[in-house]
Amino acid sequence: MAIKPRILYQTGNVFKQTLHDIRRFLSILQPNNITFCIILPLIGFFWSFFQLLSYQTFILGGILYIISGVGITAGYHRLWSHRSFTASPGLSFFLALAGASSVQGSILNWCQMHRAHHRYVDTPKDPYNVSKGIWWSHMGWLIFRPDPNSKGHVEMSDLLQDQVVIWQHRNFPFLCLFTGYALPFLIAKFGWNDGSGGLLYAGIIRVFLFQQATNCVNSLAHWLGDQPYADATSPRDHILTALVTFGEGYHNFHHEFPTDYRNGIRWFDYDPTKWCISLWGWLGLASHLQEFEANEINKAIFQQKWKLVERLKCQINWGPAVDTLPIYSWSEYEALCIHLGGSRHLVCISGVIYDVERFIESHPGGRALLVAHIGKDATASFHGGVYKHSKAASNLLDNIRFGVVRGGGQVEETH
């Protein structure tokens, strides 16, 4: 039986639409990032089942991990993204090569993204926007191209005039392949005849591990931890993130004080990048190490703690505010009291009237002592004349405020 033309036409349209959707999906992918961040690590994972790890290669991988890590944290991040210190030409050249070995893009591209992250944090123009989900901030932004309409402008003129930055950018494909993969292969090959192990463990797997560590700053550091300096945006401080990123985990501090060469400012904070920069300064390889004034840092801490106190205060019952209470003359106060013709068990302390009826039977000093002060001014007795009451006793009184005596106590009334 012949296939009807309409069915052929509809099938053709579905096929064309499917091809269009596939092309559209492929167009938003970033093939270079997918290759170096996903495909190569997957190859390395399966390869590792057949490749032994020698102790020499393990040590080499550890050394190169530290070098590439410092290249990113001290170089790409604190030197070039934030200008938190000035490096000598030799140190700049070393950091440019070290950063290239992490295979995370050139200084120019990396810093442009990072500066946009700081300027537009938690907004659609933030490349690592954590409000789109922790997966996006960790890996999604690497896999999919950013929306061109959400790209925010950042100032890059200083880097465009930096000769080391421009040299590294122009030669980055060669530099990252050589320092990231060829160099560990060559060292292991000619050092202890383990070229394949050097390429796998000190190259592919080492690059992958530090890429993931860096990504933790964009994801975990905006999701896990405390906010001791500000909470208007998502960055947080957490020791776990600091441990895997050479001290970059004190992210709440960093976003508040981005030009400070330190991330962990306390002596016991784990911040190896800070220690390296300090050492370079002592050796004369770095200068103009930027530090925010302690007063401004303490001010931010105080403001954040005060905000937390205010939030806690709102959760506590403080009783009716004194300025909202009705005002009585002394004679009106007396007239309300039960043994003076009224129906209330009222006591006056420091000009404030309290209804102590529900507290009479449980008064620690006994019922008789409290009843004896009904309709009277018990200020002196409460504050030490009979017994100096605790702060807790004063707080209990706050919940049973009844009114305020005009003039603050028993005064002569004019008729």
Protein backbone atom coordinates (compact mmCIF):
# COMPACT_ATOMS: atom_id res chain seq x y z
CA MET A 1 0.00 0.00 0.00
CA ALA A 2 1.41 3.45 -0.96
CA ILE A 3 2.24 5.94 1.78
CA LYS A 4 0.05 9.00 1.57
CA PRO A 5 1.82 12.27 0.59
CA ARG A 6 0.49 14.03 3.71
CA ILE A 7 2.18 11.47 5.97
CA LEU A 8 5.47 11.91 4.09
CA TYR A 9 5.17 15.67 4.39
CA GLN A 10 4.49 15.51 8.14
CA THR A 11 7.38 13.06 8.67
CA GLY A 12 9.69 15.37 6.77
CA ASN A 13 8.65 18.34 8.93
CA VAL A 14 9.28 16.39 12.12
CA PHE A 15 12.72 15.36 10.85
CA LYS A 16 13.60 18.96 9.91
CA GLN A 17 12.42 20.24 13.29
CA THR A 18 14.47 17.59 15.07
CA LEU A 19 17.59 18.55 13.11
CA HIS A 20 16.92 22.21 13.89
CA ASP A 21 16.61 21.45 17.62
CA ILE A 22 19.84 19.41 17.57
CA ARG A 23 21.74 22.18 15.78
CA ARG A 24 20.34 24.76 18.19
CA PHE A 25 21.38 22.67 21.19
CA LEU A 26 24.87 22.10 19.81
CA SER A 27 25.24 25.83 19.12
CA ILE A 28 24.90 26.69 22.82
CA LEU A 29 27.56 24.20 23.92
CA GLN A 30 31.18 25.17 24.57
CA PRO A 31 33.19 22.36 22.90
CA ASN A 32 36.59 23.35 24.28
CA ASN A 33 35.34 23.35 27.87
CA ILE A 34 33.47 20.08 27.34
CA THR A 35 36.63 18.50 25.94
CA PHE A 36 38.98 19.57 28.73
CA CYS A 37 36.54 19.51 31.67
CA ILE A 38 34.47 16.41 30.86
CA ILE A 39 35.72 14.24 27.99
CA LEU A 40 39.42 14.16 28.93
CA PRO A 41 38.69 13.46 32.63
CA LEU A 42 36.35 10.60 31.61
CA ILE A 43 39.09 9.15 29.41
CA GLY A 44 41.50 9.54 32.31
CA PHE A 45 39.10 7.80 34.68
CA PHE A 46 38.84 4.66 32.54
CA TRP A 47 42.54 4.80 31.67
CA SER A 48 43.43 4.76 35.38
CA PHE A 49 42.12 1.18 35.66
CA PHE A 50 45.00 0.06 33.45
CA GLN A 51 47.76 2.50 34.47
CA LEU A 52 49.67 2.05 37.72
CA LEU A 53 50.46 5.13 39.81
CA SER A 54 54.10 5.23 40.89
CA TYR A 55 55.11 7.17 43.97
CA GLN A 56 57.36 9.44 41.86
CA THR A 57 54.43 10.34 39.61
CA PHE A 58 52.22 10.85 42.65
CA ILE A 59 54.73 13.35 44.08
CA LEU A 60 55.03 15.08 40.71
CA GLY A 61 51.25 15.39 40.50
CA GLY A 62 51.13 16.90 43.98
CA ILE A 63 53.83 19.45 43.18
CA LEU A 64 52.19 20.47 39.90
CA TYR A 65 48.81 20.66 41.64
CA ILE A 66 50.23 23.18 44.11
CA ILE A 67 51.98 25.18 41.37
CA SER A 68 48.90 25.34 39.14
CA GLY A 69 46.74 26.13 42.16
CA VAL A 70 48.89 29.06 43.24
CA GLY A 71 48.92 30.23 39.63
CA ILE A 72 45.13 30.57 39.80
CA THR A 73 44.59 31.78 43.37
CA ALA A 74 47.54 34.16 43.68
CA GLY A 75 47.95 34.97 39.99
CA TYR A 76 44.68 34.92 38.08
CA HIS A 77 42.59 35.84 41.12
CA ARG A 78 44.35 38.06 43.63
CA LEU A 79 46.97 39.64 41.33
CA TRP A 80 45.21 40.16 38.01
CA SER A 81 41.49 40.07 38.87
CA HIS A 82 41.73 42.30 41.95
CA ARG A 83 45.17 43.94 41.85
CA SER A 84 45.64 43.15 45.54
CA PHE A 85 49.43 43.25 45.18
CA THR A 86 52.10 44.10 42.62
CA ALA A 87 54.33 41.31 41.31
CA SER A 88 57.83 41.56 39.90
CA PRO A 89 58.21 40.70 36.17
CA GLY A 90 59.72 37.33 37.03
CA LEU A 91 56.94 36.44 39.45
CA SER A 92 54.29 37.59 36.96
CA PHE A 93 55.80 35.37 34.27
CA PHE A 94 55.90 32.38 36.63
CA LEU A 95 52.27 32.89 37.71
CA ALA A 96 51.15 33.22 34.08
CA LEU A 97 52.73 29.84 33.24
CA ALA A 98 51.47 28.24 36.46
CA GLY A 99 47.94 29.47 35.80
CA ALA A 100 48.06 28.20 32.22
CA SER A 101 48.92 24.72 33.53
CA SER A 102 45.53 24.56 35.27
CA VAL A 103 43.80 24.72 31.84
CA GLN A 104 41.14 27.21 32.95
CA GLY A 105 41.51 29.73 30.14
CA SER A 106 43.81 32.69 29.67
CA ILE A 107 44.30 35.38 32.30
CA LEU A 108 42.30 37.82 30.18
CA ASN A 109 39.27 35.55 29.77
CA TRP A 110 39.36 34.28 33.36
CA CYS A 111 39.58 37.76 34.87
CA GLN A 112 36.83 39.14 32.65
CA MET A 113 34.45 36.45 33.91
CA HIS A 114 35.54 36.91 37.50
CA ARG A 115 35.19 40.69 37.47
CA ALA A 116 31.71 40.30 36.00
CA HIS A 117 30.92 37.85 38.81
CA HIS A 118 31.88 40.43 41.44
CA ARG A 119 30.12 43.34 39.78
CA TYR A 120 26.87 41.49 39.05
CA VAL A 121 26.88 38.81 41.75
CA ASP A 122 23.61 36.84 42.04
CA THR A 123 22.06 38.59 39.03
CA PRO A 124 21.47 37.34 35.45
CA LYS A 125 24.72 39.07 34.44
CA ASP A 126 26.72 36.98 36.92
CA PRO A 127 28.40 34.23 34.83
CA TYR A 128 28.31 31.79 37.77
CA ASN A 129 24.94 32.97 39.13
CA VAL A 130 24.17 30.61 42.02
CA SER A 131 20.49 31.59 41.95
CA LYS A 132 20.27 29.41 38.81
CA GLY A 133 21.23 26.42 40.94
CA ILE A 134 24.39 25.00 42.44
CA TRP A 135 24.96 22.76 39.40
CA TRP A 136 24.96 25.79 37.10
CA SER A 137 27.42 27.70 39.29
CA HIS A 138 29.69 24.65 39.48
CA MET A 139 29.68 23.26 35.92
CA GLY A 140 26.72 24.51 33.89
CA TRP A 141 28.28 27.86 32.98
CA LEU A 142 31.29 25.98 31.55
CA ILE A 143 29.21 23.67 29.38
CA PHE A 144 26.68 26.13 27.95
CA ARG A 145 27.43 29.44 26.27
CA PRO A 146 26.21 32.48 28.22
CA ASP A 147 23.22 34.40 26.93
CA PRO A 148 24.71 37.30 24.93
CA ASN A 149 21.93 39.57 26.21
CA SER A 150 22.98 38.97 29.83
CA LYS A 151 26.64 39.84 29.39
CA GLY A 152 27.68 42.71 31.66
CA HIS A 153 30.46 45.20 30.97
CA VAL A 154 33.57 45.22 33.15
CA GLU A 155 36.69 47.39 33.05
CA MET A 156 39.64 45.55 31.49
CA SER A 157 41.92 48.36 30.33
CA ASP A 158 44.56 47.61 32.97
CA LEU A 159 44.95 44.02 31.77
CA LEU A 160 44.98 45.03 28.11
CA GLN A 161 48.08 47.09 28.90
CA ASP A 162 49.81 44.26 30.79
CA GLN A 163 52.44 42.70 28.51
CA VAL A 164 52.52 39.39 30.39
CA VAL A 165 48.73 39.07 30.20
CA ILE A 166 48.65 39.81 26.46
CA TRP A 167 51.58 37.46 25.74
CA GLN A 168 49.90 34.64 27.65
CA HIS A 169 46.54 35.26 25.95
CA ARG A 170 48.04 35.13 22.45
CA ASN A 171 49.99 31.96 23.16
CA PHE A 172 47.51 30.28 25.50
CA PRO A 173 46.62 27.20 23.38
CA PHE A 174 50.27 26.15 23.22
CA LEU A 175 51.04 27.17 26.82
CA CYS A 176 48.14 25.26 28.39
CA LEU A 177 48.78 22.10 26.36
CA PHE A 178 52.50 22.18 27.10
CA THR A 179 52.40 23.09 30.81
CA GLY A 180 49.19 21.15 31.50
CA TYR A 181 49.92 17.87 29.72
CA ALA A 182 53.22 17.72 27.80
CA LEU A 183 55.42 18.91 30.67
CA PRO A 184 54.28 16.26 33.21
CA PHE A 185 54.64 13.64 30.46
CA LEU A 186 58.20 14.74 29.68
CA ILE A 187 59.27 15.01 33.33
CA ALA A 188 57.95 11.54 34.16
CA LYS A 189 59.23 10.04 30.90
CA PHE A 190 62.81 11.21 31.23
CA GLY A 191 62.84 11.18 35.02
CA TRP A 192 61.71 7.61 35.82
CA ASN A 193 60.39 6.24 32.50
CA ASP A 194 56.69 6.75 33.32
CA GLY A 195 55.53 9.10 30.57
CA SER A 196 52.03 7.63 30.31
CA GLY A 197 51.59 7.81 34.10
CA GLY A 198 52.84 11.40 34.10
CA LEU A 199 50.37 12.38 31.38
CA LEU A 200 47.48 10.63 33.14
CA TYR A 201 48.01 11.37 36.82
CA ALA A 202 50.15 14.52 36.85
CA GLY A 203 48.39 15.86 33.77
CA ILE A 204 44.79 14.90 33.04
CA ILE A 205 43.66 13.94 36.56
CA ARG A 206 45.61 16.73 38.27
CA VAL A 207 44.07 19.32 35.94
CA PHE A 208 40.58 17.91 36.53
CA LEU A 209 40.96 17.91 40.32
CA PHE A 210 42.01 21.54 40.51
CA GLN A 211 39.36 22.59 38.01
CA GLN A 212 36.79 21.08 40.36
CA ALA A 213 38.42 22.77 43.36
CA THR A 214 38.22 26.14 41.63
CA ASN A 215 34.60 25.52 40.69
CA CYS A 216 33.84 24.95 44.37
CA VAL A 217 34.52 28.65 44.96
CA ASN A 218 31.76 29.49 42.48
CA SER A 219 29.33 26.94 43.90
CA LEU A 220 30.02 25.77 47.48
CA ALA A 221 31.32 29.17 48.59
CA HIS A 222 27.95 30.67 47.63
CA TRP A 223 25.92 27.93 49.28
CA LEU A 224 27.70 26.55 52.35
CA GLY A 225 28.99 28.49 55.36
CA ASP A 226 28.62 31.67 57.38
CA GLN A 227 28.20 35.33 56.49
CA PRO A 228 30.06 37.27 59.19
CA TYR A 229 30.62 40.42 57.11
CA ALA A 230 27.46 40.87 55.00
CA ASP A 231 24.41 38.94 53.89
CA ALA A 232 23.00 41.06 51.05
CA THR A 233 24.42 38.54 48.55
CA SER A 234 25.21 34.82 48.61
CA PRO A 235 29.00 34.52 49.31
CA ARG A 236 29.91 32.57 52.44
CA ASP A 237 32.93 31.60 54.54
CA HIS A 238 33.65 27.90 55.08
CA ILE A 239 36.83 26.07 56.03
CA LEU A 240 35.97 23.10 53.77
CA THR A 241 36.08 25.28 50.65
CA ALA A 242 39.28 26.93 51.89
CA LEU A 243 40.98 23.55 52.31
CA VAL A 244 40.49 22.53 48.67
CA THR A 245 41.19 25.97 47.14
CA PHE A 246 44.36 27.18 48.90
CA GLY A 247 42.42 29.56 51.13
CA GLU A 248 39.78 30.86 48.73
CA GLY A 249 36.95 29.61 50.93
CA TYR A 250 36.61 32.79 53.02
CA HIS A 251 34.38 34.09 50.29
CA ASN A 252 32.13 36.34 52.34
CA PHE A 253 35.14 38.36 53.42
CA HIS A 254 36.51 38.39 49.88
CA HIS A 255 33.33 39.79 48.33
CA GLU A 256 33.18 42.55 50.93
CA PHE A 257 36.89 43.40 50.70
CA PRO A 258 37.94 42.15 47.23
CA THR A 259 41.18 44.13 46.94
CA ASP A 260 42.61 42.71 50.18
CA TYR A 261 45.39 40.24 49.36
CA ARG A 262 44.17 38.09 52.25
CA ASN A 263 41.05 35.94 52.29
CA GLY A 264 41.51 34.50 55.76
CA ILE A 265 42.51 37.46 57.94
CA ARG A 266 42.89 35.68 61.28
CA TRP A 267 46.27 34.13 62.07
CA PHE A 268 44.74 30.64 62.25
CA ASP A 269 42.73 30.90 59.01
CA TYR A 270 43.89 28.40 56.40
CA ASP A 271 45.01 30.65 53.54
CA PRO A 272 48.22 29.34 51.88
CA THR A 273 47.81 31.89 49.07
CA LYS A 274 48.09 34.69 51.62
CA TRP A 275 51.19 33.08 53.07
CA CYS A 276 52.78 32.83 49.61
CA ILE A 277 52.08 36.48 48.82
CA SER A 278 53.46 37.53 52.22
CA LEU A 279 56.61 35.48 51.58
CA TRP A 280 57.03 37.03 48.15
CA GLY A 281 56.67 40.45 49.74
CA TRP A 282 59.38 39.60 52.27
CA LEU A 283 61.64 38.37 49.46
CA GLY A 284 61.06 41.52 47.42
CA LEU A 285 59.18 39.70 44.65
CA ALA A 286 55.87 41.38 45.52
CA SER A 287 54.98 44.84 46.78
CA HIS A 288 52.00 47.08 47.59
CA LEU A 289 50.15 44.30 49.41
CA GLN A 290 46.65 45.70 49.90
CA GLU A 291 44.90 45.38 53.28
CA PHE A 292 41.63 46.95 54.33
CA GLU A 293 41.75 48.93 57.56
CA ALA A 294 40.94 46.84 60.62
CA ASN A 295 38.39 49.44 61.68
CA GLU A 296 36.36 48.93 58.49
CA ILE A 297 36.51 45.15 58.83
CA ASN A 298 35.42 45.33 62.47
CA LYS A 299 32.66 47.74 61.49
CA ALA A 300 31.29 45.20 59.01
CA ILE A 301 31.47 42.44 61.63
CA PHE A 302 29.65 44.61 64.18
CA GLN A 303 26.94 45.60 61.69
CA GLN A 304 26.34 41.99 60.76
CA LYS A 305 26.19 40.88 64.40
CA TRP A 306 23.84 43.76 65.19
CA LYS A 307 21.59 42.66 62.34
CA LEU A 308 21.52 39.15 63.77
CA VAL A 309 20.71 40.55 67.22
CA GLU A 310 17.85 42.57 65.74
CA ARG A 311 16.47 39.46 64.05
CA LEU A 312 16.65 37.54 67.32
CA LYS A 313 15.08 40.46 69.17
CA CYS A 314 12.06 40.29 66.87
CA GLN A 315 11.50 36.67 67.93
CA ILE A 316 11.31 37.53 71.64
CA ASN A 317 8.25 38.76 73.55
CA TRP A 318 9.35 41.95 75.31
CA GLY A 319 5.92 42.78 76.67
CA PRO A 320 3.97 45.93 75.83
CA ALA A 321 6.17 48.96 75.15
CA VAL A 322 6.15 51.57 77.93
CA ASP A 323 5.24 54.39 75.54
CA THR A 324 2.08 52.52 74.50
CA LEU A 325 0.74 52.07 78.05
CA PRO A 326 -2.13 54.15 79.51
CA ILE A 327 -1.14 56.91 81.95
CA TYR A 328 -2.69 57.09 85.43
CA SER A 329 -2.42 59.58 88.25
CA TRP A 330 -1.29 58.20 91.60
CA SER A 331 -4.80 58.34 93.01
CA GLU A 332 -6.17 56.55 89.94
CA TYR A 333 -3.55 53.86 90.39
CA GLU A 334 -4.51 53.40 94.04
CA ALA A 335 -8.20 53.26 93.18
CA LEU A 336 -7.58 50.34 90.82
CA CYS A 337 -5.91 48.22 93.52
CA ILE A 338 -7.89 45.43 95.11
CA HIS A 339 -7.53 46.34 98.80
CA LEU A 340 -8.34 49.99 98.06
CA GLY A 341 -11.69 49.34 96.41
CA GLY A 342 -10.48 48.19 93.02
CA SER A 343 -10.09 44.74 91.49
CA ARG A 344 -6.43 44.68 90.44
CA HIS A 345 -3.25 43.38 92.05
CA LEU A 346 -1.04 46.28 90.98
CA VAL A 347 2.45 47.29 92.06
CA CYS A 348 4.38 50.39 90.98
CA ILE A 349 8.13 50.12 90.31
CA SER A 350 10.11 53.05 88.85
CA GLY A 351 6.96 54.72 87.60
CA VAL A 352 5.61 51.67 85.76
CA ILE A 353 2.53 49.80 87.00
CA TYR A 354 2.62 46.00 86.91
CA ASP A 355 -0.28 43.53 87.28
CA VAL A 356 1.21 40.85 89.55
CA GLU A 357 -1.93 38.76 90.07
CA ARG A 358 -0.68 35.63 88.28
CA PHE A 359 2.69 35.92 90.04
CA ILE A 360 1.52 36.26 93.66
CA GLU A 361 1.44 32.56 94.52
CA SER A 362 4.80 31.81 92.85
CA HIS A 363 6.73 34.82 94.18
CA PRO A 364 10.06 33.48 95.55
CA GLY A 365 9.93 35.90 98.50
CA GLY A 366 6.49 34.70 99.53
CA ARG A 367 2.94 35.84 98.93
CA ALA A 368 2.74 38.18 101.91
CA LEU A 369 5.70 40.31 100.83
CA LEU A 370 4.25 40.93 97.38
CA VAL A 371 0.72 41.61 98.66
CA ALA A 372 2.12 44.15 101.12
CA HIS A 373 3.31 46.30 98.19
CA ILE A 374 0.05 46.31 96.23
CA GLY A 375 -1.06 49.89 95.66
CA LYS A 376 2.32 51.23 96.79
CA ASP A 377 5.65 52.30 95.28
CA ALA A 378 7.90 49.21 95.47
CA THR A 379 10.88 50.75 93.66
CA ALA A 380 13.24 50.82 96.65
CA SER A 381 12.25 47.34 97.81
CA PHE A 382 12.68 45.83 94.33
CA HIS A 383 16.11 47.37 93.72
CA GLY A 384 17.70 46.34 96.98
CA GLY A 385 15.75 47.75 99.92
CA VAL A 386 14.33 44.29 100.58
CA TYR A 387 16.05 42.23 97.88
CA LYS A 388 18.10 43.22 94.85
CA HIS A 389 16.27 41.42 92.07
CA SER A 390 18.01 39.84 89.07
CA LYS A 391 17.81 40.81 85.43
CA ALA A 392 15.53 37.79 84.91
CA ALA A 393 13.11 39.26 87.46
CA SER A 394 13.13 42.57 85.60
CA ASN A 395 12.49 40.73 82.33
CA LEU A 396 9.52 38.93 83.86
CA LEU A 397 8.05 42.28 84.86
CA ASP A 398 8.20 43.44 81.23
CA ASN A 399 5.51 40.92 80.31
CA ILE A 400 3.04 42.15 82.94
CA ARG A 401 3.22 45.91 82.37
CA PHE A 402 -0.16 47.52 82.98
CA GLY A 403 0.32 51.27 82.85
CA VAL A 404 2.45 54.29 83.75
CA VAL A 405 2.11 56.68 86.71
CA ARG A 406 2.05 60.35 85.75
CA GLY A 407 5.14 62.01 87.23
CA GLY A 408 6.86 58.67 87.80
CA GLY A 409 5.55 58.00 91.30
CA GLN A 410 3.53 59.33 94.23
CA VAL A 411 3.44 63.12 93.85
CA GLU A 412 1.31 65.83 95.38
CA GLU A 413 -1.79 66.36 93.29
CA THR A 414 -3.39 69.79 92.89
CA HIS A 415 -7.19 69.94 92.90
